[in-house]
Amino acid sequence: MGSGVHEQQRSLTQGEVAPLPSSSQSEGSYEGMKQTRSVLNSLFSGALAGAVAKTAVAPLDRTKIIFQVSSNRFSAKEAYRLIYRTYLKDGFLSLWRGNSATMVRVIPYAAIQFCAHEQYKRLLGGYYGFQGKVLPPVPRLLAGSLAGTTAAMLTYPLDVVRARMAVTPKEMYSNILHVFARISQEEGIKTLFRGFTPTILGVVPYAGLSFFTYETLKKLHAERTGRPHPYSYERLTFGACAGLIGQSASYPLDVVRRRMQTAGVTGHTYGTIFGTMREIVSEEGFIRGLYKGLSMNWVKGPIAVGISFTTFDLTQILLKKLHQMGFTGQ
C-alpha cells in the first residue's frame, strides 16, 4: 500500500501523470462541439431551403428576368405567352433553363445567409443581453441585413452567370464553366462583378426586412397563441408576408442590377446605378421601367420566401430531433 503511495508521489514529482481535465475545460469543449454542430445544421438547412424554394419558382423567375432586361412592356398576359412559347419551342424542361446555375449560386448563398443570420443573432443577442431570446427590433433588422450582405458578397459572380444563362439561348452558353470562360475572355473578369453595388444596396433592405418580418410574426404568434412553434401553413404565411415586404422595398435595384449584369448580351452599356436608372426611366417610364415584373414577383416572391423559411425551420427541428434520438454525431 505504502509502495503505491510512494510510486504515485514519484510520478507526480517527475511530471509523468497528467492532471485530469478541469470542469471548465470540459464545458468549453462541449460548448465548442455544440456550436460547430449548430453551424453545420444551419448550413445544411439553409442550402436545402434555398434549393427547394428556387426550384419551385424557377419558370416564373426566369420569365421575370427576361422582362427585366428587355424594353418590352410587361403584363400577366405577355408573361403567360412567353412561358407558353418557350414550352412549345424548347420543351417543358426549358422552363428551368439556368436553374443549374441558380442551384450553384443559391445553395451556397442560402446556406451562408441562414447560417450567418443565426450567428449574427447569437452575437447581437450576447451584446444586447438577449442571448437565447428574440432580439429587439433594431438588432433583429440588422442581423438580417448583415446576413444577406455576407452571402451576396461571397457568391456574387455566380449570380451574374445565372442571369446570363436565363436570358440567352442555350446555343450561346453550353454550361456554367462556359459562361465563366466566355465572359472572362470577351468582356474581362470585372464583368463578373458588374451590378455588385446595386445588389448590395438592394440586399440590405430585402434581407433585413424579410428576416425582420418573419421573426416578428413568429414572436407575435407565440405571444398570442402560447405555442412556441407555428404550424407549417402558418410558417408559409409568415414567410410569404416577409417576401412580399422585402422584395417590394428593393425591387427597383433588382431591375438595375439585372440590366447591368446582362449588358454584354443585350447591347446596352450601363455604367452606373443612377445612369442605368435614368436610361430606364427615360425609355420606359418610372413605374413600367423600374417596377417591371413586380406583379409577377408578388406571386413568385412570397411563394419562394415562404417555402425557404419553412423548409429551413422544419429541417432545423428535424436535425435537432435526430440528434436527441442519437442518429447524429455527439
C-alpha atoms as a PDB file:
ATOM      1  CA  MET A   1       0.000   0.000   0.000  1.00  0.00           C
ATOM      2  CA  GLY A   2       2.771   2.421   1.064  1.00  0.00           C
ATOM      3  CA  SER A   3       4.716   1.477  -2.012  1.00  0.00           C
ATOM      4  CA  GLY A   4       1.762   2.515  -4.148  1.00  0.00           C
ATOM      5  CA  VAL A   5       1.619   5.922  -2.465  1.00  0.00           C
ATOM      6  CA  HIS A   6       5.347   6.432  -2.972  1.00  0.00           C
ATOM      7  CA  GLU A   7       5.008   5.459  -6.666  1.00  0.00           C
ATOM      8  CA  GLN A   8       2.180   7.995  -7.139  1.00  0.00           C
ATOM      9  CA  GLN A   9       4.182  10.742  -5.418  1.00  0.00           C
ATOM     10  CA  ARG A  10       7.247   9.960  -7.567  1.00  0.00           C
ATOM     11  CA  SER A  11       5.132  10.135 -10.720  1.00  0.00           C
ATOM     12  CA  LEU A  12       3.635  13.473  -9.706  1.00  0.00           C
ATOM     13  CA  THR A  13       7.038  14.842  -8.792  1.00  0.00           C
ATOM     14  CA  GLN A  14       8.532  13.832 -12.116  1.00  0.00           C
ATOM     15  CA  GLY A  15       5.530  15.217 -14.006  1.00  0.00           C
ATOM     16  CA  GLU A  16       4.686  11.883 -15.601  1.00  0.00           C
ATOM     17  CA  VAL A  17       0.964  11.884 -14.669  1.00  0.00           C
ATOM     18  CA  ALA A  18      -1.166  14.491 -16.452  1.00  0.00           C
ATOM     19  CA  PRO A  19      -3.802  16.260 -14.345  1.00  0.00           C
ATOM     20  CA  LEU A  20      -7.421  15.414 -15.010  1.00  0.00           C
ATOM     21  CA  PRO A  21      -9.220  17.965 -17.238  1.00  0.00           C
ATOM     22  CA  SER A  22     -10.993  20.640 -15.241  1.00  0.00           C
ATOM     23  CA  SER A  23     -14.764  21.075 -15.406  1.00  0.00           C
ATOM     24  CA  SER A  24     -14.287  24.408 -17.187  1.00  0.00           C
ATOM     25  CA  GLN A  25     -12.218  22.700 -19.904  1.00  0.00           C
ATOM     26  CA  SER A  26     -14.907  20.030 -20.340  1.00  0.00           C
ATOM     27  CA  GLU A  27     -17.628  22.654 -20.551  1.00  0.00           C
ATOM     28  CA  GLY A  28     -15.591  24.648 -23.081  1.00  0.00           C
ATOM     29  CA  SER A  29     -15.080  21.565 -25.235  1.00  0.00           C
ATOM     30  CA  TYR A  30     -18.796  20.714 -25.062  1.00  0.00           C
ATOM     31  CA  GLU A  31     -19.794  24.270 -25.992  1.00  0.00           C
ATOM     32  CA  GLY A  32     -17.366  24.197 -28.917  1.00  0.00           C
ATOM     33  CA  MET A  33     -18.858  20.941 -30.226  1.00  0.00           C
ATOM     34  CA  LYS A  34     -22.363  22.304 -29.731  1.00  0.00           C
ATOM     35  CA  GLN A  35     -21.520  25.480 -31.647  1.00  0.00           C
ATOM     36  CA  THR A  36     -19.911  23.529 -34.500  1.00  0.00           C
ATOM     37  CA  ARG A  37     -22.960  21.287 -34.771  1.00  0.00           C
ATOM     38  CA  SER A  38     -25.217  24.352 -34.799  1.00  0.00           C
ATOM     39  CA  VAL A  39     -23.235  25.926 -37.663  1.00  0.00           C
ATOM     40  CA  LEU A  40     -23.261  22.715 -39.730  1.00  0.00           C
ATOM     41  CA  ASN A  41     -27.000  22.260 -39.146  1.00  0.00           C
ATOM     42  CA  SER A  42     -27.650  25.859 -40.246  1.00  0.00           C
ATOM     43  CA  LEU A  43     -25.535  25.443 -43.373  1.00  0.00           C
ATOM     44  CA  PHE A  44     -27.317  22.236 -44.390  1.00  0.00           C
ATOM     45  CA  SER A  45     -30.799  23.554 -43.583  1.00  0.00           C
ATOM     46  CA  GLY A  46     -30.137  26.801 -45.439  1.00  0.00           C
ATOM     47  CA  ALA A  47     -28.780  25.015 -48.517  1.00  0.00           C
ATOM     48  CA  LEU A  48     -31.821  22.725 -48.675  1.00  0.00           C
ATOM     49  CA  ALA A  49     -34.214  25.650 -48.112  1.00  0.00           C
ATOM     50  CA  GLY A  50     -32.708  27.655 -50.953  1.00  0.00           C
ATOM     51  CA  ALA A  51     -32.653  24.728 -53.383  1.00  0.00           C
ATOM     52  CA  VAL A  52     -36.278  23.729 -52.759  1.00  0.00           C
ATOM     53  CA  ALA A  53     -37.612  27.297 -52.911  1.00  0.00           C
ATOM     54  CA  LYS A  54     -35.782  28.348 -56.071  1.00  0.00           C
ATOM     55  CA  THR A  55     -36.570  25.162 -57.977  1.00  0.00           C
ATOM     56  CA  ALA A  56     -40.273  25.584 -57.167  1.00  0.00           C
ATOM     57  CA  VAL A  57     -40.449  29.047 -58.766  1.00  0.00           C
ATOM     58  CA  ALA A  58     -37.721  28.722 -61.432  1.00  0.00           C
ATOM     59  CA  PRO A  59     -40.016  29.154 -64.500  1.00  0.00           C
ATOM     60  CA  LEU A  60     -41.537  32.336 -63.041  1.00  0.00           C
ATOM     61  CA  ASP A  61     -38.121  33.629 -62.014  1.00  0.00           C
ATOM     62  CA  ARG A  62     -36.675  33.087 -65.484  1.00  0.00           C
ATOM     63  CA  THR A  63     -39.649  34.849 -67.091  1.00  0.00           C
ATOM     64  CA  LYS A  64     -39.283  37.804 -64.730  1.00  0.00           C
ATOM     65  CA  ILE A  65     -35.575  38.202 -65.558  1.00  0.00           C
ATOM     66  CA  ILE A  66     -36.280  38.137 -69.322  1.00  0.00           C
ATOM     67  CA  PHE A  67     -38.728  41.029 -68.949  1.00  0.00           C
ATOM     68  CA  GLN A  68     -36.443  42.913 -66.549  1.00  0.00           C
ATOM     69  CA  VAL A  69     -33.572  43.037 -69.028  1.00  0.00           C
ATOM     70  CA  SER A  70     -35.671  43.955 -72.081  1.00  0.00           C
ATOM     71  CA  SER A  71     -37.627  47.074 -73.043  1.00  0.00           C
ATOM     72  CA  ASN A  72     -40.778  45.044 -73.788  1.00  0.00           C
ATOM     73  CA  ARG A  73     -43.818  46.033 -71.766  1.00  0.00           C
ATOM     74  CA  PHE A  74     -44.745  43.601 -69.010  1.00  0.00           C
ATOM     75  CA  SER A  75     -48.207  42.191 -68.395  1.00  0.00           C
ATOM     76  CA  ALA A  76     -49.522  38.940 -66.974  1.00  0.00           C
ATOM     77  CA  LYS A  77     -50.832  38.032 -70.428  1.00  0.00           C
ATOM     78  CA  GLU A  78     -47.436  38.637 -72.069  1.00  0.00           C
ATOM     79  CA  ALA A  79     -45.702  36.645 -69.318  1.00  0.00           C
ATOM     80  CA  TYR A  80     -48.036  33.704 -69.921  1.00  0.00           C
ATOM     81  CA  ARG A  81     -47.418  33.929 -73.686  1.00  0.00           C
ATOM     82  CA  LEU A  82     -43.663  33.896 -73.140  1.00  0.00           C
ATOM     83  CA  ILE A  83     -43.860  30.810 -70.916  1.00  0.00           C
ATOM     84  CA  TYR A  84     -46.147  29.044 -73.398  1.00  0.00           C
ATOM     85  CA  ARG A  85     -43.959  29.906 -76.418  1.00  0.00           C
ATOM     86  CA  THR A  86     -40.865  28.685 -74.582  1.00  0.00           C
ATOM     87  CA  TYR A  87     -42.637  25.419 -73.774  1.00  0.00           C
ATOM     88  CA  LEU A  88     -43.714  24.893 -77.395  1.00  0.00           C
ATOM     89  CA  LYS A  89     -40.327  25.774 -78.866  1.00  0.00           C
ATOM     90  CA  ASP A  90     -37.879  24.109 -76.477  1.00  0.00           C
ATOM     91  CA  GLY A  91     -39.942  21.744 -74.348  1.00  0.00           C
ATOM     92  CA  PHE A  92     -41.150  21.645 -70.747  1.00  0.00           C
ATOM     93  CA  LEU A  93     -37.709  21.382 -69.106  1.00  0.00           C
ATOM     94  CA  SER A  94     -36.547  24.533 -70.931  1.00  0.00           C
ATOM     95  CA  LEU A  95     -38.639  26.498 -68.426  1.00  0.00           C
ATOM     96  CA  TRP A  96     -35.942  25.560 -65.908  1.00  0.00           C
ATOM     97  CA  ARG A  97     -33.073  26.722 -68.159  1.00  0.00           C
ATOM     98  CA  GLY A  98     -30.421  28.337 -65.993  1.00  0.00           C
ATOM     99  CA  ASN A  99     -31.672  26.509 -62.889  1.00  0.00           C
ATOM    100  CA  SER A 100     -28.415  24.544 -62.660  1.00  0.00           C
ATOM    101  CA  ALA A 101     -26.575  27.865 -62.429  1.00  0.00           C
ATOM    102  CA  THR A 102     -29.200  29.021 -59.960  1.00  0.00           C
ATOM    103  CA  MET A 103     -28.522  25.963 -57.801  1.00  0.00           C
ATOM    104  CA  VAL A 104     -24.759  26.510 -57.957  1.00  0.00           C
ATOM    105  CA  ARG A 105     -25.377  30.023 -56.673  1.00  0.00           C
ATOM    106  CA  VAL A 106     -28.396  29.627 -54.398  1.00  0.00           C
ATOM    107  CA  ILE A 107     -27.179  26.610 -52.423  1.00  0.00           C
ATOM    108  CA  PRO A 108     -24.051  28.356 -51.069  1.00  0.00           C
ATOM    109  CA  TYR A 109     -25.920  31.698 -50.915  1.00  0.00           C
ATOM    110  CA  ALA A 110     -28.809  30.352 -48.850  1.00  0.00           C
ATOM    111  CA  ALA A 111     -26.508  28.207 -46.702  1.00  0.00           C
ATOM    112  CA  ILE A 112     -24.300  31.209 -45.892  1.00  0.00           C
ATOM    113  CA  GLN A 113     -27.243  33.574 -45.408  1.00  0.00           C
ATOM    114  CA  PHE A 114     -29.188  31.390 -42.965  1.00  0.00           C
ATOM    115  CA  CYS A 115     -26.049  30.313 -41.101  1.00  0.00           C
ATOM    116  CA  ALA A 116     -24.792  33.907 -40.901  1.00  0.00           C
ATOM    117  CA  HIS A 117     -28.194  35.031 -39.639  1.00  0.00           C
ATOM    118  CA  GLU A 118     -28.078  32.514 -36.790  1.00  0.00           C
ATOM    119  CA  GLN A 119     -24.543  33.623 -35.876  1.00  0.00           C
ATOM    120  CA  TYR A 120     -25.361  37.333 -36.073  1.00  0.00           C
ATOM    121  CA  LYS A 121     -28.413  36.733 -33.882  1.00  0.00           C
ATOM    122  CA  ARG A 122     -26.211  34.974 -31.326  1.00  0.00           C
ATOM    123  CA  LEU A 123     -23.564  37.725 -31.374  1.00  0.00           C
ATOM    124  CA  LEU A 124     -26.071  40.588 -31.221  1.00  0.00           C
ATOM    125  CA  GLY A 125     -28.082  38.745 -28.564  1.00  0.00           C
ATOM    126  CA  GLY A 126     -24.970  38.460 -26.406  1.00  0.00           C
ATOM    127  CA  TYR A 127     -24.108  42.133 -26.987  1.00  0.00           C
ATOM    128  CA  TYR A 128     -27.583  43.450 -26.158  1.00  0.00           C
ATOM    129  CA  GLY A 129     -28.257  40.950 -23.378  1.00  0.00           C
ATOM    130  CA  PHE A 130     -30.896  38.922 -25.230  1.00  0.00           C
ATOM    131  CA  GLN A 131     -28.977  35.643 -25.577  1.00  0.00           C
ATOM    132  CA  GLY A 132     -31.380  32.840 -26.497  1.00  0.00           C
ATOM    133  CA  LYS A 133     -34.329  35.233 -26.861  1.00  0.00           C
ATOM    134  CA  VAL A 134     -35.921  37.134 -29.733  1.00  0.00           C
ATOM    135  CA  LEU A 135     -33.863  40.245 -30.473  1.00  0.00           C
ATOM    136  CA  PRO A 136     -35.273  43.781 -30.134  1.00  0.00           C
ATOM    137  CA  PRO A 137     -36.457  45.380 -33.421  1.00  0.00           C
ATOM    138  CA  VAL A 138     -33.267  47.218 -34.487  1.00  0.00           C
ATOM    139  CA  PRO A 139     -30.815  44.329 -33.872  1.00  0.00           C
ATOM    140  CA  ARG A 140     -33.378  41.995 -35.474  1.00  0.00           C
ATOM    141  CA  LEU A 141     -33.331  44.117 -38.630  1.00  0.00           C
ATOM    142  CA  LEU A 142     -29.536  44.440 -38.502  1.00  0.00           C
ATOM    143  CA  ALA A 143     -28.997  40.667 -38.222  1.00  0.00           C
ATOM    144  CA  GLY A 144     -30.988  40.056 -41.408  1.00  0.00           C
ATOM    145  CA  SER A 145     -29.226  42.812 -43.352  1.00  0.00           C
ATOM    146  CA  LEU A 146     -25.774  41.597 -42.318  1.00  0.00           C
ATOM    147  CA  ALA A 147     -26.654  38.002 -43.212  1.00  0.00           C
ATOM    148  CA  GLY A 148     -27.863  38.962 -46.690  1.00  0.00           C
ATOM    149  CA  THR A 149     -24.846  41.198 -47.320  1.00  0.00           C
ATOM    150  CA  THR A 150     -22.408  38.474 -46.234  1.00  0.00           C
ATOM    151  CA  ALA A 151     -23.995  35.895 -48.547  1.00  0.00           C
ATOM    152  CA  ALA A 152     -24.221  38.274 -51.530  1.00  0.00           C
ATOM    153  CA  MET A 153     -20.594  39.340 -51.246  1.00  0.00           C
ATOM    154  CA  LEU A 154     -19.322  35.759 -51.164  1.00  0.00           C
ATOM    155  CA  THR A 155     -21.401  34.402 -54.074  1.00  0.00           C
ATOM    156  CA  TYR A 156     -21.898  37.373 -56.433  1.00  0.00           C
ATOM    157  CA  PRO A 157     -20.174  36.098 -59.651  1.00  0.00           C
ATOM    158  CA  LEU A 158     -22.499  33.090 -59.611  1.00  0.00           C
ATOM    159  CA  ASP A 159     -25.475  35.469 -59.711  1.00  0.00           C
ATOM    160  CA  VAL A 160     -24.106  37.106 -62.879  1.00  0.00           C
ATOM    161  CA  VAL A 161     -23.652  33.692 -64.519  1.00  0.00           C
ATOM    162  CA  ARG A 162     -27.174  32.662 -63.573  1.00  0.00           C
ATOM    163  CA  ALA A 163     -28.656  35.859 -65.070  1.00  0.00           C
ATOM    164  CA  ARG A 164     -26.720  35.368 -68.320  1.00  0.00           C
ATOM    165  CA  MET A 165     -27.951  31.779 -68.689  1.00  0.00           C
ATOM    166  CA  ALA A 166     -31.539  32.846 -68.030  1.00  0.00           C
ATOM    167  CA  VAL A 167     -31.694  35.438 -70.836  1.00  0.00           C
ATOM    168  CA  THR A 168     -29.611  33.785 -73.584  1.00  0.00           C
ATOM    169  CA  PRO A 169     -30.422  30.902 -75.980  1.00  0.00           C
ATOM    170  CA  LYS A 170     -28.929  27.573 -74.992  1.00  0.00           C
ATOM    171  CA  GLU A 171     -26.634  27.661 -78.052  1.00  0.00           C
ATOM    172  CA  MET A 172     -24.735  30.641 -76.628  1.00  0.00           C
ATOM    173  CA  TYR A 173     -23.568  29.056 -73.377  1.00  0.00           C
ATOM    174  CA  SER A 174     -23.298  25.294 -73.032  1.00  0.00           C
ATOM    175  CA  ASN A 175     -22.737  25.164 -69.267  1.00  0.00           C
ATOM    176  CA  ILE A 176     -21.744  27.215 -66.236  1.00  0.00           C
ATOM    177  CA  LEU A 177     -17.993  26.941 -66.830  1.00  0.00           C
ATOM    178  CA  HIS A 178     -18.520  28.052 -70.435  1.00  0.00           C
ATOM    179  CA  VAL A 179     -20.239  31.222 -69.182  1.00  0.00           C
ATOM    180  CA  PHE A 180     -17.315  31.995 -66.879  1.00  0.00           C
ATOM    181  CA  ALA A 181     -14.802  31.347 -69.646  1.00  0.00           C
ATOM    182  CA  ARG A 182     -16.536  33.452 -72.324  1.00  0.00           C
ATOM    183  CA  ILE A 183     -17.218  36.388 -70.011  1.00  0.00           C
ATOM    184  CA  SER A 184     -13.603  36.383 -68.793  1.00  0.00           C
ATOM    185  CA  GLN A 185     -12.160  36.174 -72.328  1.00  0.00           C
ATOM    186  CA  GLU A 186     -14.552  38.509 -74.168  1.00  0.00           C
ATOM    187  CA  GLU A 187     -15.560  41.052 -71.523  1.00  0.00           C
ATOM    188  CA  GLY A 188     -12.972  40.754 -68.765  1.00  0.00           C
ATOM    189  CA  ILE A 189     -13.018  39.463 -65.188  1.00  0.00           C
ATOM    190  CA  LYS A 190     -14.502  42.764 -63.936  1.00  0.00           C
ATOM    191  CA  THR A 191     -17.727  41.924 -65.783  1.00  0.00           C
ATOM    192  CA  LEU A 192     -18.370  39.151 -63.243  1.00  0.00           C
ATOM    193  CA  PHE A 193     -18.815  41.914 -60.663  1.00  0.00           C
ATOM    194  CA  ARG A 194     -20.925  44.254 -62.790  1.00  0.00           C
ATOM    195  CA  GLY A 195     -24.013  45.266 -60.831  1.00  0.00           C
ATOM    196  CA  PHE A 196     -22.359  44.463 -57.491  1.00  0.00           C
ATOM    197  CA  THR A 197     -23.155  47.832 -55.872  1.00  0.00           C
ATOM    198  CA  PRO A 198     -26.920  47.836 -56.604  1.00  0.00           C
ATOM    199  CA  THR A 199     -27.025  44.217 -55.454  1.00  0.00           C
ATOM    200  CA  ILE A 200     -25.564  45.083 -52.049  1.00  0.00           C
ATOM    201  CA  LEU A 201     -27.726  48.207 -51.749  1.00  0.00           C
ATOM    202  CA  GLY A 202     -30.771  46.094 -52.602  1.00  0.00           C
ATOM    203  CA  VAL A 203     -29.976  43.140 -50.361  1.00  0.00           C
ATOM    204  CA  VAL A 204     -29.697  45.310 -47.225  1.00  0.00           C
ATOM    205  CA  PRO A 205     -33.416  46.237 -47.145  1.00  0.00           C
ATOM    206  CA  TYR A 206     -34.509  42.969 -48.771  1.00  0.00           C
ATOM    207  CA  ALA A 207     -32.774  40.558 -46.379  1.00  0.00           C
ATOM    208  CA  GLY A 208     -33.203  42.891 -43.411  1.00  0.00           C
ATOM    209  CA  LEU A 209     -36.963  43.295 -43.873  1.00  0.00           C
ATOM    210  CA  SER A 210     -37.504  39.635 -44.826  1.00  0.00           C
ATOM    211  CA  PHE A 211     -35.834  38.196 -41.717  1.00  0.00           C
ATOM    212  CA  PHE A 212     -37.243  41.002 -39.537  1.00  0.00           C
ATOM    213  CA  THR A 213     -40.826  40.396 -40.712  1.00  0.00           C
ATOM    214  CA  TYR A 214     -40.608  36.621 -40.364  1.00  0.00           C
ATOM    215  CA  GLU A 215     -39.043  36.734 -36.892  1.00  0.00           C
ATOM    216  CA  THR A 216     -41.505  39.403 -35.743  1.00  0.00           C
ATOM    217  CA  LEU A 217     -44.553  37.457 -36.940  1.00  0.00           C
ATOM    218  CA  LYS A 218     -43.291  34.312 -35.189  1.00  0.00           C
ATOM    219  CA  LYS A 219     -42.771  36.315 -31.984  1.00  0.00           C
ATOM    220  CA  LEU A 220     -46.268  37.829 -32.134  1.00  0.00           C
ATOM    221  CA  HIS A 221     -47.757  34.426 -32.892  1.00  0.00           C
ATOM    222  CA  ALA A 222     -46.056  32.849 -29.858  1.00  0.00           C
ATOM    223  CA  GLU A 223     -47.277  35.672 -27.614  1.00  0.00           C
ATOM    224  CA  ARG A 224     -50.869  35.417 -28.867  1.00  0.00           C
ATOM    225  CA  THR A 225     -51.241  31.619 -29.005  1.00  0.00           C
ATOM    226  CA  GLY A 226     -48.754  30.394 -26.407  1.00  0.00           C
ATOM    227  CA  ARG A 227     -47.338  27.944 -28.970  1.00  0.00           C
ATOM    228  CA  PRO A 228     -43.568  28.347 -29.488  1.00  0.00           C
ATOM    229  CA  HIS A 229     -43.676  26.517 -32.845  1.00  0.00           C
ATOM    230  CA  PRO A 230     -46.175  27.648 -35.516  1.00  0.00           C
ATOM    231  CA  TYR A 231     -47.811  25.090 -37.786  1.00  0.00           C
ATOM    232  CA  SER A 232     -46.310  24.628 -41.253  1.00  0.00           C
ATOM    233  CA  TYR A 233     -49.043  26.602 -43.029  1.00  0.00           C
ATOM    234  CA  GLU A 234     -48.519  29.447 -40.552  1.00  0.00           C
ATOM    235  CA  ARG A 235     -44.784  29.477 -41.292  1.00  0.00           C
ATOM    236  CA  LEU A 236     -45.561  29.595 -45.019  1.00  0.00           C
ATOM    237  CA  THR A 237     -47.881  32.567 -44.437  1.00  0.00           C
ATOM    238  CA  PHE A 238     -45.295  34.413 -42.323  1.00  0.00           C
ATOM    239  CA  GLY A 239     -42.633  33.757 -44.959  1.00  0.00           C
ATOM    240  CA  ALA A 240     -44.941  34.936 -47.744  1.00  0.00           C
ATOM    241  CA  CYS A 241     -45.544  38.222 -45.912  1.00  0.00           C
ATOM    242  CA  ALA A 242     -41.793  38.587 -45.363  1.00  0.00           C
ATOM    243  CA  GLY A 243     -41.068  38.019 -49.063  1.00  0.00           C
ATOM    244  CA  LEU A 244     -43.777  40.448 -50.174  1.00  0.00           C
ATOM    245  CA  ILE A 245     -42.451  43.276 -47.993  1.00  0.00           C
ATOM    246  CA  GLY A 246     -38.748  42.616 -48.594  1.00  0.00           C
ATOM    247  CA  GLN A 247     -38.926  42.302 -52.371  1.00  0.00           C
ATOM    248  CA  SER A 248     -41.253  45.276 -52.852  1.00  0.00           C
ATOM    249  CA  ALA A 249     -38.861  47.519 -50.911  1.00  0.00           C
ATOM    250  CA  SER A 250     -35.815  46.620 -53.009  1.00  0.00           C
ATOM    251  CA  TYR A 251     -37.339  45.895 -56.433  1.00  0.00           C
ATOM    252  CA  PRO A 252     -36.045  48.896 -58.466  1.00  0.00           C
ATOM    253  CA  LEU A 253     -32.462  47.995 -57.510  1.00  0.00           C
ATOM    254  CA  ASP A 254     -33.168  44.411 -58.598  1.00  0.00           C
ATOM    255  CA  VAL A 255     -34.123  45.676 -62.073  1.00  0.00           C
ATOM    256  CA  VAL A 256     -30.974  47.844 -62.200  1.00  0.00           C
ATOM    257  CA  ARG A 257     -28.627  45.001 -61.241  1.00  0.00           C
ATOM    258  CA  ARG A 258     -30.167  42.671 -63.846  1.00  0.00           C
ATOM    259  CA  ARG A 259     -29.704  45.298 -66.570  1.00  0.00           C
ATOM    260  CA  MET A 260     -26.063  45.803 -65.559  1.00  0.00           C
ATOM    261  CA  GLN A 261     -25.367  42.054 -65.288  1.00  0.00           C
ATOM    262  CA  THR A 262     -26.711  41.291 -68.776  1.00  0.00           C
ATOM    263  CA  ALA A 263     -25.491  44.420 -70.594  1.00  0.00           C
ATOM    264  CA  GLY A 264     -22.913  42.379 -72.519  1.00  0.00           C
ATOM    265  CA  VAL A 265     -25.577  40.311 -74.288  1.00  0.00           C
ATOM    266  CA  THR A 266     -28.365  42.904 -74.654  1.00  0.00           C
ATOM    267  CA  GLY A 267     -26.355  45.568 -76.480  1.00  0.00           C
ATOM    268  CA  HIS A 268     -26.557  48.207 -73.750  1.00  0.00           C
ATOM    269  CA  THR A 269     -23.703  49.905 -71.908  1.00  0.00           C
ATOM    270  CA  TYR A 270     -24.891  50.544 -68.387  1.00  0.00           C
ATOM    271  CA  GLY A 271     -22.146  52.163 -66.315  1.00  0.00           C
ATOM    272  CA  THR A 272     -23.542  53.413 -63.003  1.00  0.00           C
ATOM    273  CA  ILE A 273     -26.623  52.831 -60.878  1.00  0.00           C
ATOM    274  CA  PHE A 274     -28.072  56.305 -61.457  1.00  0.00           C
ATOM    275  CA  GLY A 275     -27.150  56.255 -65.138  1.00  0.00           C
ATOM    276  CA  THR A 276     -28.943  52.920 -65.560  1.00  0.00           C
ATOM    277  CA  MET A 277     -31.994  54.198 -63.673  1.00  0.00           C
ATOM    278  CA  ARG A 278     -32.079  57.381 -65.754  1.00  0.00           C
ATOM    279  CA  GLU A 279     -31.917  55.431 -69.021  1.00  0.00           C
ATOM    280  CA  ILE A 280     -34.641  53.002 -67.941  1.00  0.00           C
ATOM    281  CA  VAL A 281     -36.955  55.807 -66.826  1.00  0.00           C
ATOM    282  CA  SER A 282     -36.380  57.884 -69.988  1.00  0.00           C
ATOM    283  CA  GLU A 283     -37.048  54.915 -72.313  1.00  0.00           C
ATOM    284  CA  GLU A 284     -39.757  53.029 -70.448  1.00  0.00           C
ATOM    285  CA  GLY A 285     -41.141  55.293 -67.731  1.00  0.00           C
ATOM    286  CA  PHE A 286     -40.745  55.223 -63.950  1.00  0.00           C
ATOM    287  CA  ILE A 287     -43.337  52.598 -62.981  1.00  0.00           C
ATOM    288  CA  ARG A 288     -43.224  50.499 -66.172  1.00  0.00           C
ATOM    289  CA  GLY A 289     -39.423  50.514 -66.174  1.00  0.00           C
ATOM    290  CA  LEU A 290     -38.193  50.278 -62.589  1.00  0.00           C
ATOM    291  CA  TYR A 291     -41.125  48.145 -61.401  1.00  0.00           C
ATOM    292  CA  LYS A 292     -41.380  45.920 -64.470  1.00  0.00           C
ATOM    293  CA  GLY A 293     -42.360  42.398 -63.440  1.00  0.00           C
ATOM    294  CA  LEU A 294     -43.234  43.407 -59.865  1.00  0.00           C
ATOM    295  CA  SER A 295     -46.702  41.873 -60.137  1.00  0.00           C
ATOM    296  CA  MET A 296     -45.096  38.543 -61.062  1.00  0.00           C
ATOM    297  CA  ASN A 297     -42.720  38.978 -58.137  1.00  0.00           C
ATOM    298  CA  TRP A 298     -45.743  39.366 -55.863  1.00  0.00           C
ATOM    299  CA  VAL A 299     -46.703  35.842 -56.923  1.00  0.00           C
ATOM    300  CA  LYS A 300     -43.224  34.308 -57.126  1.00  0.00           C
ATOM    301  CA  GLY A 301     -41.556  36.078 -54.195  1.00  0.00           C
ATOM    302  CA  PRO A 302     -43.930  35.184 -51.357  1.00  0.00           C
ATOM    303  CA  ILE A 303     -44.066  31.555 -52.531  1.00  0.00           C
ATOM    304  CA  ALA A 304     -40.264  31.274 -52.690  1.00  0.00           C
ATOM    305  CA  VAL A 305     -39.580  33.036 -49.395  1.00  0.00           C
ATOM    306  CA  GLY A 306     -42.389  31.177 -47.629  1.00  0.00           C
ATOM    307  CA  ILE A 307     -41.033  27.814 -48.804  1.00  0.00           C
ATOM    308  CA  SER A 308     -37.477  28.863 -47.926  1.00  0.00           C
ATOM    309  CA  PHE A 309     -38.172  29.936 -44.330  1.00  0.00           C
ATOM    310  CA  THR A 310     -40.486  26.981 -43.697  1.00  0.00           C
ATOM    311  CA  THR A 311     -38.008  24.438 -45.093  1.00  0.00           C
ATOM    312  CA  PHE A 312     -35.188  25.933 -43.006  1.00  0.00           C
ATOM    313  CA  ASP A 313     -37.180  25.860 -39.756  1.00  0.00           C
ATOM    314  CA  LEU A 314     -38.556  22.344 -40.266  1.00  0.00           C
ATOM    315  CA  THR A 315     -35.132  20.969 -41.247  1.00  0.00           C
ATOM    316  CA  GLN A 316     -33.588  22.532 -38.136  1.00  0.00           C
ATOM    317  CA  ILE A 317     -36.285  20.950 -35.958  1.00  0.00           C
ATOM    318  CA  LEU A 318     -35.776  17.561 -37.661  1.00  0.00           C
ATOM    319  CA  LEU A 319     -31.992  17.661 -37.200  1.00  0.00           C
ATOM    320  CA  LYS A 320     -32.375  18.511 -33.501  1.00  0.00           C
ATOM    321  CA  LYS A 321     -34.779  15.610 -33.015  1.00  0.00           C
ATOM    322  CA  LEU A 322     -32.433  13.241 -34.836  1.00  0.00           C
ATOM    323  CA  HIS A 323     -29.570  14.369 -32.587  1.00  0.00           C
ATOM    324  CA  GLN A 324     -31.646  13.818 -29.474  1.00  0.00           C
ATOM    325  CA  MET A 325     -32.500  10.315 -30.712  1.00  0.00           C
ATOM    326  CA  GLY A 326     -28.812   9.580 -31.296  1.00  0.00           C
ATOM    327  CA  PHE A 327     -28.844   9.463 -35.113  1.00  0.00           C
ATOM    328  CA  THR A 328     -26.216  12.214 -35.472  1.00  0.00           C
ATOM    329  CA  GLY A 329     -22.739  12.596 -34.047  1.00  0.00           C
ATOM    330  CA  GLN A 330     -22.340  13.736 -30.491  1.00  0.00           C
END
